[in-house]
């Protein structure tokens, strides 16, 4: 269970909920967040665990080490931006949290 597909799925679920308003996408977003909080977050050393085995224990079968922040943007920043323009232009335009204002 590698972390990056889950965090990208969070960003996708958020986008689908924003566009459709369907509760199932909001539920999936929350389900993946809850899973990540319970298993992927390394609260002792910071950051997230890259990989878990089938029992949700940290493993290094695919890659040994901590990941960079790139994929975490999908669950930490994308929900704080409008869906258009793209991520970089939206941040450059100062649109972070603009929907909350």
N, C-alpha and C. Protein backbone atom coordinates (compact mmCIF):
# COMPACT_ATOMS: atom_id res chain seq x y z
N UNK A 1 0.84 -1.17 0.00
CA UNK A 1 0.00 0.00 0.00
C UNK A 1 0.89 1.24 0.00
N UNK A 2 1.18 1.69 -1.17
CA UNK A 2 2.03 2.87 -1.32
C UNK A 2 1.16 4.11 -1.14
N UNK A 3 1.72 5.11 -0.53
CA UNK A 3 0.99 6.32 -0.14
C UNK A 3 0.51 7.17 -1.31
N UNK A 4 1.27 7.29 -2.37
CA UNK A 4 0.93 8.27 -3.39
C UNK A 4 -0.41 8.03 -4.09
N UNK A 5 -0.84 6.82 -4.39
CA UNK A 5 -2.15 6.68 -5.03
C UNK A 5 -3.30 7.15 -4.12
N UNK A 6 -3.14 6.97 -2.82
CA UNK A 6 -4.19 7.38 -1.89
C UNK A 6 -4.30 8.91 -1.84
N UNK A 7 -3.16 9.60 -1.77
CA UNK A 7 -3.25 11.05 -1.69
C UNK A 7 -3.71 11.66 -3.01
N UNK A 8 -3.37 11.05 -4.12
CA UNK A 8 -3.90 11.54 -5.40
C UNK A 8 -5.39 11.26 -5.50
N UNK A 9 -5.82 10.13 -4.96
CA UNK A 9 -7.26 9.81 -4.94
C UNK A 9 -8.02 10.83 -4.11
N UNK A 10 -7.42 11.33 -3.05
CA UNK A 10 -8.08 12.36 -2.24
C UNK A 10 -8.33 13.61 -3.07
N UNK A 11 -7.32 14.04 -3.81
CA UNK A 11 -7.49 15.22 -4.66
C UNK A 11 -8.55 14.99 -5.72
N UNK A 12 -8.59 13.79 -6.28
CA UNK A 12 -9.59 13.46 -7.29
C UNK A 12 -10.99 13.44 -6.69
N UNK A 13 -11.13 12.83 -5.52
CA UNK A 13 -12.43 12.78 -4.86
C UNK A 13 -12.93 14.19 -4.55
N UNK A 14 -12.02 15.04 -4.11
CA UNK A 14 -12.40 16.43 -3.84
C UNK A 14 -12.88 17.12 -5.12
N UNK A 15 -12.13 16.94 -6.20
CA UNK A 15 -12.52 17.58 -7.46
C UNK A 15 -13.87 17.06 -7.94
N UNK A 16 -14.08 15.74 -7.86
CA UNK A 16 -15.37 15.17 -8.29
C UNK A 16 -16.52 15.67 -7.42
N UNK A 17 -16.28 15.80 -6.13
CA UNK A 17 -17.34 16.32 -5.25
C UNK A 17 -17.64 17.78 -5.59
N UNK A 18 -16.59 18.56 -5.85
CA UNK A 18 -16.78 19.97 -6.19
C UNK A 18 -17.62 20.13 -7.46
N UNK A 19 -17.34 19.29 -8.45
CA UNK A 19 -18.04 19.39 -9.73
C UNK A 19 -19.45 18.82 -9.67
N UNK A 20 -19.62 17.68 -8.99
CA UNK A 20 -20.91 16.99 -9.02
C UNK A 20 -21.77 17.25 -7.81
N UNK A 21 -21.15 17.55 -6.67
CA UNK A 21 -21.90 17.70 -5.42
C UNK A 21 -22.39 16.37 -4.85
N UNK A 22 -21.94 15.26 -5.43
CA UNK A 22 -22.40 13.95 -4.98
C UNK A 22 -21.70 13.54 -3.68
N UNK A 23 -22.51 13.16 -2.70
CA UNK A 23 -22.01 12.82 -1.37
C UNK A 23 -21.03 11.65 -1.38
N UNK A 24 -21.15 10.74 -2.35
CA UNK A 24 -20.24 9.59 -2.39
C UNK A 24 -18.79 10.03 -2.53
N UNK A 25 -18.53 11.12 -3.28
CA UNK A 25 -17.16 11.58 -3.45
C UNK A 25 -16.63 12.24 -2.18
N UNK A 26 -17.47 12.94 -1.47
CA UNK A 26 -17.08 13.50 -0.18
C UNK A 26 -16.78 12.38 0.81
N UNK A 27 -17.59 11.31 0.78
CA UNK A 27 -17.37 10.17 1.66
C UNK A 27 -16.05 9.47 1.36
N UNK A 28 -15.74 9.30 0.07
CA UNK A 28 -14.46 8.68 -0.29
C UNK A 28 -13.30 9.55 0.15
N UNK A 29 -13.41 10.85 -0.04
CA UNK A 29 -12.37 11.78 0.40
C UNK A 29 -12.10 11.60 1.89
N UNK A 30 -13.16 11.58 2.69
CA UNK A 30 -13.01 11.42 4.13
C UNK A 30 -12.47 10.04 4.51
N UNK A 31 -12.94 9.02 3.82
CA UNK A 31 -12.47 7.65 4.10
C UNK A 31 -10.96 7.54 3.89
N UNK A 32 -10.45 8.09 2.78
CA UNK A 32 -9.02 8.04 2.50
C UNK A 32 -8.23 8.90 3.48
N UNK A 33 -8.78 10.04 3.90
CA UNK A 33 -8.11 10.85 4.91
C UNK A 33 -8.00 10.08 6.22
N UNK A 34 -9.11 9.48 6.64
CA UNK A 34 -9.10 8.72 7.89
C UNK A 34 -8.07 7.59 7.84
N UNK A 35 -8.02 6.87 6.73
CA UNK A 35 -7.04 5.80 6.58
C UNK A 35 -5.62 6.35 6.68
N UNK A 36 -5.36 7.45 5.99
CA UNK A 36 -4.02 8.04 6.00
C UNK A 36 -3.63 8.52 7.39
N UNK A 37 -4.57 9.13 8.09
CA UNK A 37 -4.29 9.59 9.45
C UNK A 37 -3.94 8.41 10.34
N UNK A 38 -4.68 7.32 10.21
CA UNK A 38 -4.47 6.16 11.07
C UNK A 38 -3.23 5.35 10.73
N UNK A 39 -2.82 5.33 9.46
CA UNK A 39 -1.76 4.41 9.07
C UNK A 39 -0.56 5.06 8.39
N UNK A 40 -0.76 6.03 7.53
CA UNK A 40 0.35 6.57 6.75
C UNK A 40 1.12 7.69 7.44
N UNK A 41 0.47 8.42 8.33
CA UNK A 41 1.16 9.54 8.98
C UNK A 41 2.14 9.04 10.02
N UNK A 42 3.36 9.57 9.95
CA UNK A 42 4.39 9.27 10.93
C UNK A 42 4.39 10.40 11.96
N UNK A 43 3.59 10.25 12.99
CA UNK A 43 3.46 11.30 13.99
C UNK A 43 4.68 11.44 14.89
N UNK A 44 5.52 10.43 14.94
CA UNK A 44 6.71 10.48 15.78
C UNK A 44 7.85 11.25 15.13
N UNK A 45 8.08 10.99 13.85
CA UNK A 45 9.21 11.58 13.14
C UNK A 45 8.82 12.61 12.09
N UNK A 46 7.55 12.82 11.90
CA UNK A 46 7.08 13.75 10.88
C UNK A 46 6.94 13.08 9.53
N UNK A 47 6.21 13.69 8.65
CA UNK A 47 5.96 13.21 7.31
C UNK A 47 5.02 12.00 7.31
N UNK A 48 5.03 11.26 6.21
CA UNK A 48 4.17 10.10 6.06
C UNK A 48 5.02 8.89 5.71
N UNK A 49 4.53 7.73 6.09
CA UNK A 49 5.20 6.50 5.68
C UNK A 49 4.93 6.26 4.20
N UNK A 50 5.92 5.89 3.48
CA UNK A 50 5.82 5.67 2.04
C UNK A 50 5.02 4.42 1.70
N UNK A 51 5.19 3.36 2.49
CA UNK A 51 4.66 2.06 2.08
C UNK A 51 4.24 1.25 3.29
N UNK A 52 3.09 0.56 3.15
CA UNK A 52 2.57 -0.33 4.20
C UNK A 52 2.36 -1.72 3.61
N UNK A 53 2.45 -2.74 4.47
CA UNK A 53 2.14 -4.10 4.01
C UNK A 53 0.64 -4.36 4.14
N UNK A 54 0.21 -5.57 3.91
CA UNK A 54 -1.23 -5.87 3.93
C UNK A 54 -1.83 -5.78 5.33
N UNK A 55 -0.98 -5.68 6.36
CA UNK A 55 -1.45 -5.49 7.74
C UNK A 55 -1.29 -4.04 8.19
N UNK A 56 -1.02 -3.15 7.24
CA UNK A 56 -0.81 -1.73 7.51
C UNK A 56 0.39 -1.46 8.40
N UNK A 57 1.39 -2.32 8.32
CA UNK A 57 2.66 -2.11 9.01
C UNK A 57 3.66 -1.52 8.00
N UNK A 58 4.51 -0.63 8.48
CA UNK A 58 5.50 0.01 7.61
C UNK A 58 6.42 -1.06 7.03
N UNK A 59 6.66 -0.97 5.73
CA UNK A 59 7.56 -1.89 5.04
C UNK A 59 8.38 -1.12 4.02
N UNK A 60 9.38 -1.75 3.46
CA UNK A 60 10.23 -1.11 2.45
C UNK A 60 10.44 -2.04 1.27
N UNK A 61 9.43 -2.78 0.88
CA UNK A 61 9.55 -3.71 -0.25
C UNK A 61 9.75 -2.99 -1.57
N UNK A 62 9.10 -1.85 -1.75
CA UNK A 62 9.19 -1.11 -3.01
C UNK A 62 10.26 -0.04 -2.94
N UNK A 63 10.27 0.70 -1.84
CA UNK A 63 11.20 1.83 -1.73
C UNK A 63 11.51 2.08 -0.27
N UNK A 64 12.77 2.26 0.05
CA UNK A 64 13.21 2.51 1.41
C UNK A 64 13.49 4.00 1.59
N UNK A 65 12.74 4.64 2.44
CA UNK A 65 12.99 6.05 2.70
C UNK A 65 11.70 6.84 2.80
N UNK A 66 11.85 8.11 3.08
CA UNK A 66 10.71 9.02 3.16
C UNK A 66 10.52 9.68 1.80
N UNK A 67 9.28 9.98 1.48
CA UNK A 67 8.95 10.59 0.19
C UNK A 67 9.11 12.10 0.25
N UNK A 68 9.07 12.70 -0.93
CA UNK A 68 9.05 14.16 -0.99
C UNK A 68 7.61 14.64 -0.84
N UNK A 69 7.41 15.92 -0.94
CA UNK A 69 6.10 16.51 -0.70
C UNK A 69 5.19 16.51 -1.93
N UNK A 70 5.72 16.18 -3.10
CA UNK A 70 4.97 16.32 -4.34
C UNK A 70 3.57 15.73 -4.27
N UNK A 71 3.44 14.46 -3.93
CA UNK A 71 2.12 13.84 -3.94
C UNK A 71 1.22 14.32 -2.81
N UNK A 72 1.81 14.77 -1.73
CA UNK A 72 0.98 15.27 -0.64
C UNK A 72 0.21 16.53 -1.04
N UNK A 73 0.68 17.24 -2.05
CA UNK A 73 -0.06 18.41 -2.52
C UNK A 73 -1.49 18.05 -2.93
N UNK A 74 -1.67 16.82 -3.40
CA UNK A 74 -2.98 16.41 -3.87
C UNK A 74 -4.02 16.36 -2.76
N UNK A 75 -3.62 16.14 -1.55
CA UNK A 75 -4.60 16.11 -0.47
C UNK A 75 -4.51 17.33 0.43
N UNK A 76 -3.40 18.06 0.40
CA UNK A 76 -3.23 19.20 1.29
C UNK A 76 -3.52 20.54 0.63
N UNK A 77 -3.22 20.68 -0.65
CA UNK A 77 -3.36 21.97 -1.31
C UNK A 77 -4.54 22.01 -2.30
N UNK A 78 -4.70 20.97 -3.08
CA UNK A 78 -5.76 20.99 -4.10
C UNK A 78 -7.14 21.31 -3.53
N UNK A 79 -7.52 20.74 -2.38
CA UNK A 79 -8.84 21.11 -1.83
C UNK A 79 -8.94 22.57 -1.38
N UNK A 80 -7.84 23.27 -1.35
CA UNK A 80 -7.85 24.67 -0.95
C UNK A 80 -7.81 25.62 -2.15
N UNK A 81 -7.91 25.06 -3.35
CA UNK A 81 -7.85 25.86 -4.57
C UNK A 81 -9.10 25.63 -5.42
N UNK A 82 -9.46 26.61 -6.26
CA UNK A 82 -10.50 26.34 -7.25
C UNK A 82 -9.96 25.34 -8.27
N UNK A 83 -10.83 24.66 -8.99
CA UNK A 83 -10.39 23.65 -9.95
C UNK A 83 -9.73 24.25 -11.19
N UNK A 84 -9.99 25.52 -11.46
CA UNK A 84 -9.35 26.19 -12.59
C UNK A 84 -8.96 27.59 -12.14
N UNK A 85 -7.84 28.10 -12.55
CA UNK A 85 -6.86 27.49 -13.44
C UNK A 85 -6.12 26.35 -12.75
N UNK A 86 -5.13 25.79 -13.40
CA UNK A 86 -4.35 24.69 -12.83
C UNK A 86 -3.67 25.09 -11.53
N UNK A 87 -3.06 24.11 -10.87
CA UNK A 87 -2.47 24.31 -9.54
C UNK A 87 -1.47 25.46 -9.49
N UNK A 88 -0.45 25.42 -10.33
CA UNK A 88 0.59 26.46 -10.27
C UNK A 88 0.04 27.85 -10.60
N UNK A 89 -0.76 28.02 -11.67
CA UNK A 89 -1.31 29.35 -11.93
C UNK A 89 -2.25 29.83 -10.82
N UNK A 90 -2.99 28.93 -10.21
CA UNK A 90 -3.91 29.32 -9.13
C UNK A 90 -3.13 29.81 -7.92
N UNK A 91 -2.06 29.11 -7.57
CA UNK A 91 -1.24 29.55 -6.44
C UNK A 91 -0.58 30.88 -6.76
N UNK A 92 -0.04 31.01 -7.98
CA UNK A 92 0.61 32.26 -8.39
C UNK A 92 -0.37 33.44 -8.37
N UNK A 93 -1.64 33.16 -8.65
CA UNK A 93 -2.66 34.21 -8.67
C UNK A 93 -3.20 34.52 -7.28
N UNK A 94 -2.68 33.83 -6.26
CA UNK A 94 -3.14 34.09 -4.90
C UNK A 94 -4.50 33.51 -4.57
N UNK A 95 -4.87 32.41 -5.25
CA UNK A 95 -6.19 31.83 -5.07
C UNK A 95 -6.27 30.77 -3.96
N UNK A 96 -5.17 30.52 -3.26
CA UNK A 96 -5.20 29.57 -2.15
C UNK A 96 -6.22 30.04 -1.12
N UNK A 97 -7.14 29.19 -0.79
CA UNK A 97 -8.22 29.47 0.16
C UNK A 97 -9.19 30.56 -0.31
N UNK A 98 -9.19 30.87 -1.58
CA UNK A 98 -10.09 31.91 -2.09
C UNK A 98 -11.56 31.50 -2.01
N UNK A 99 -11.83 30.20 -2.01
CA UNK A 99 -13.22 29.74 -1.93
C UNK A 99 -13.78 29.92 -0.53
N UNK A 100 -12.92 30.03 0.47
CA UNK A 100 -13.37 30.16 1.86
C UNK A 100 -13.69 31.60 2.22
N UNK A 101 -13.28 32.53 1.38
CA UNK A 101 -13.47 33.96 1.69
C UNK A 101 -14.86 34.41 1.38
